[in-house]
């Protein structure tokens, strides 16, 4: 089962949210429709980063690795790195 680590961004709150899921479409729907306590304060969450993994254990491990950094700068570098690599495809 393919799982993913994702980062959402809200302009309204100027905040990032890091999560993981094995059903990304459903999880993003719940974030946008106030189905998540952590993201219910804003309505403008956008997916800005995505990493795919072959199983849930790897995805959760990566999610925790990102969260442990407690660094907005690190998250911004991840996002920028993905944008840079998209330009080289």
C-alpha atoms as a PDB file:
ATOM      1  CA  UNK A   1       0.000   0.000   0.000  1.00  0.00           C
ATOM      2  CA  UNK A   2       1.435   3.365  -0.991  1.00  0.00           C
ATOM      3  CA  UNK A   3       1.478   6.000   1.733  1.00  0.00           C
ATOM      4  CA  UNK A   4       2.633   9.588   1.771  1.00  0.00           C
ATOM      5  CA  UNK A   5       4.002  12.350   3.925  1.00  0.00           C
ATOM      6  CA  UNK A   6       2.531  15.695   3.012  1.00  0.00           C
ATOM      7  CA  UNK A   7       2.834  19.315   3.995  1.00  0.00           C
ATOM      8  CA  UNK A   8      -0.076  21.715   3.823  1.00  0.00           C
ATOM      9  CA  UNK A   9       0.172  25.492   4.000  1.00  0.00           C
ATOM     10  CA  UNK A  10      -2.437  28.054   5.035  1.00  0.00           C
ATOM     11  CA  UNK A  11      -1.933  31.640   3.885  1.00  0.00           C
ATOM     12  CA  UNK A  12      -4.736  32.672   6.250  1.00  0.00           C
ATOM     13  CA  UNK A  13      -2.796  31.391   9.286  1.00  0.00           C
ATOM     14  CA  UNK A  14       0.703  31.522   7.754  1.00  0.00           C
ATOM     15  CA  UNK A  15       1.280  27.999   9.068  1.00  0.00           C
ATOM     16  CA  UNK A  16       2.412  24.626   7.818  1.00  0.00           C
ATOM     17  CA  UNK A  17       0.878  21.288   8.742  1.00  0.00           C
ATOM     18  CA  UNK A  18       2.853  18.039   8.374  1.00  0.00           C
ATOM     19  CA  UNK A  19       0.992  14.741   8.161  1.00  0.00           C
ATOM     20  CA  UNK A  20       1.014  11.251   6.711  1.00  0.00           C
ATOM     21  CA  UNK A  21      -1.671   9.054   5.203  1.00  0.00           C
ATOM     22  CA  UNK A  22      -2.241   5.935   3.143  1.00  0.00           C
ATOM     23  CA  UNK A  23      -5.399   7.481   1.691  1.00  0.00           C
ATOM     24  CA  UNK A  24      -4.234  10.935   0.731  1.00  0.00           C
ATOM     25  CA  UNK A  25      -7.329  12.061  -1.160  1.00  0.00           C
ATOM     26  CA  UNK A  26      -9.614  11.272   1.780  1.00  0.00           C
ATOM     27  CA  UNK A  27      -7.216  12.835   4.294  1.00  0.00           C
ATOM     28  CA  UNK A  28      -6.928  16.075   2.319  1.00  0.00           C
ATOM     29  CA  UNK A  29     -10.722  16.215   2.048  1.00  0.00           C
ATOM     30  CA  UNK A  30     -11.011  15.926   5.812  1.00  0.00           C
ATOM     31  CA  UNK A  31      -8.467  18.702   6.312  1.00  0.00           C
ATOM     32  CA  UNK A  32     -10.350  21.020   3.972  1.00  0.00           C
ATOM     33  CA  UNK A  33     -13.748  20.196   5.492  1.00  0.00           C
ATOM     34  CA  UNK A  34     -12.822  20.707   9.150  1.00  0.00           C
ATOM     35  CA  UNK A  35     -12.468  16.988   9.841  1.00  0.00           C
ATOM     36  CA  UNK A  36      -9.124  17.530  11.524  1.00  0.00           C
ATOM     37  CA  UNK A  37      -8.703  19.310  14.841  1.00  0.00           C
ATOM     38  CA  UNK A  38      -5.256  20.590  13.848  1.00  0.00           C
ATOM     39  CA  UNK A  39      -6.405  22.272  10.636  1.00  0.00           C
ATOM     40  CA  UNK A  40      -9.981  23.330  11.374  1.00  0.00           C
ATOM     41  CA  UNK A  41      -9.093  26.964  12.111  1.00  0.00           C
ATOM     42  CA  UNK A  42      -8.375  27.730   8.442  1.00  0.00           C
ATOM     43  CA  UNK A  43     -10.162  26.962   5.191  1.00  0.00           C
ATOM     44  CA  UNK A  44      -7.391  27.637   2.700  1.00  0.00           C
ATOM     45  CA  UNK A  45      -5.024  24.670   3.225  1.00  0.00           C
ATOM     46  CA  UNK A  46      -3.053  23.809   0.094  1.00  0.00           C
ATOM     47  CA  UNK A  47      -0.829  20.818  -0.566  1.00  0.00           C
ATOM     48  CA  UNK A  48       2.714  22.189  -1.002  1.00  0.00           C
ATOM     49  CA  UNK A  49       4.872  19.076  -0.533  1.00  0.00           C
ATOM     50  CA  UNK A  50       4.519  15.328  -0.998  1.00  0.00           C
ATOM     51  CA  UNK A  51       6.798  12.313  -0.446  1.00  0.00           C
ATOM     52  CA  UNK A  52       5.566   8.805  -1.293  1.00  0.00           C
ATOM     53  CA  UNK A  53       6.526   5.638   0.575  1.00  0.00           C
ATOM     54  CA  UNK A  54       5.933   1.923   0.048  1.00  0.00           C
ATOM     55  CA  UNK A  55       4.398   1.425   3.495  1.00  0.00           C
ATOM     56  CA  UNK A  56       2.918   3.240   6.477  1.00  0.00           C
ATOM     57  CA  UNK A  57       5.869   2.620   8.810  1.00  0.00           C
ATOM     58  CA  UNK A  58       8.264   4.481   6.508  1.00  0.00           C
ATOM     59  CA  UNK A  59       5.804   7.345   6.010  1.00  0.00           C
ATOM     60  CA  UNK A  60       5.192   7.808   9.737  1.00  0.00           C
ATOM     61  CA  UNK A  61       8.934   7.643  10.431  1.00  0.00           C
ATOM     62  CA  UNK A  62       9.550  10.424   7.878  1.00  0.00           C
ATOM     63  CA  UNK A  63       6.641  12.500   9.227  1.00  0.00           C
ATOM     64  CA  UNK A  64       8.120  12.342  12.735  1.00  0.00           C
ATOM     65  CA  UNK A  65      11.584  13.157  11.389  1.00  0.00           C
ATOM     66  CA  UNK A  66      10.235  16.363   9.827  1.00  0.00           C
ATOM     67  CA  UNK A  67       8.216  17.273  12.924  1.00  0.00           C
ATOM     68  CA  UNK A  68      11.172  16.672  15.282  1.00  0.00           C
ATOM     69  CA  UNK A  69      13.146  19.352  13.468  1.00  0.00           C
ATOM     70  CA  UNK A  70      10.597  21.912  14.714  1.00  0.00           C
ATOM     71  CA  UNK A  71      11.901  24.163  11.988  1.00  0.00           C
ATOM     72  CA  UNK A  72       9.899  26.277   9.594  1.00  0.00           C
ATOM     73  CA  UNK A  73      13.115  26.905   7.678  1.00  0.00           C
ATOM     74  CA  UNK A  74      13.631  23.155   7.171  1.00  0.00           C
ATOM     75  CA  UNK A  75      10.086  22.789   5.846  1.00  0.00           C
ATOM     76  CA  UNK A  76      10.581  25.748   3.512  1.00  0.00           C
ATOM     77  CA  UNK A  77      13.822  24.167   2.218  1.00  0.00           C
ATOM     78  CA  UNK A  78      11.998  20.871   1.540  1.00  0.00           C
ATOM     79  CA  UNK A  79       9.303  22.703  -0.395  1.00  0.00           C
ATOM     80  CA  UNK A  80      11.819  24.797  -2.319  1.00  0.00           C
ATOM     81  CA  UNK A  81      13.846  21.686  -3.163  1.00  0.00           C
ATOM     82  CA  UNK A  82      10.747  20.032  -4.633  1.00  0.00           C
ATOM     83  CA  UNK A  83       9.920  23.130  -6.673  1.00  0.00           C
ATOM     84  CA  UNK A  84      13.496  23.258  -7.965  1.00  0.00           C
ATOM     85  CA  UNK A  85      13.415  19.604  -9.005  1.00  0.00           C
ATOM     86  CA  UNK A  86      10.074  20.093 -10.814  1.00  0.00           C
ATOM     87  CA  UNK A  87      11.716  22.737 -12.958  1.00  0.00           C
ATOM     88  CA  UNK A  88      14.407  20.247 -14.065  1.00  0.00           C
ATOM     89  CA  UNK A  89      12.058  17.494 -15.287  1.00  0.00           C
END
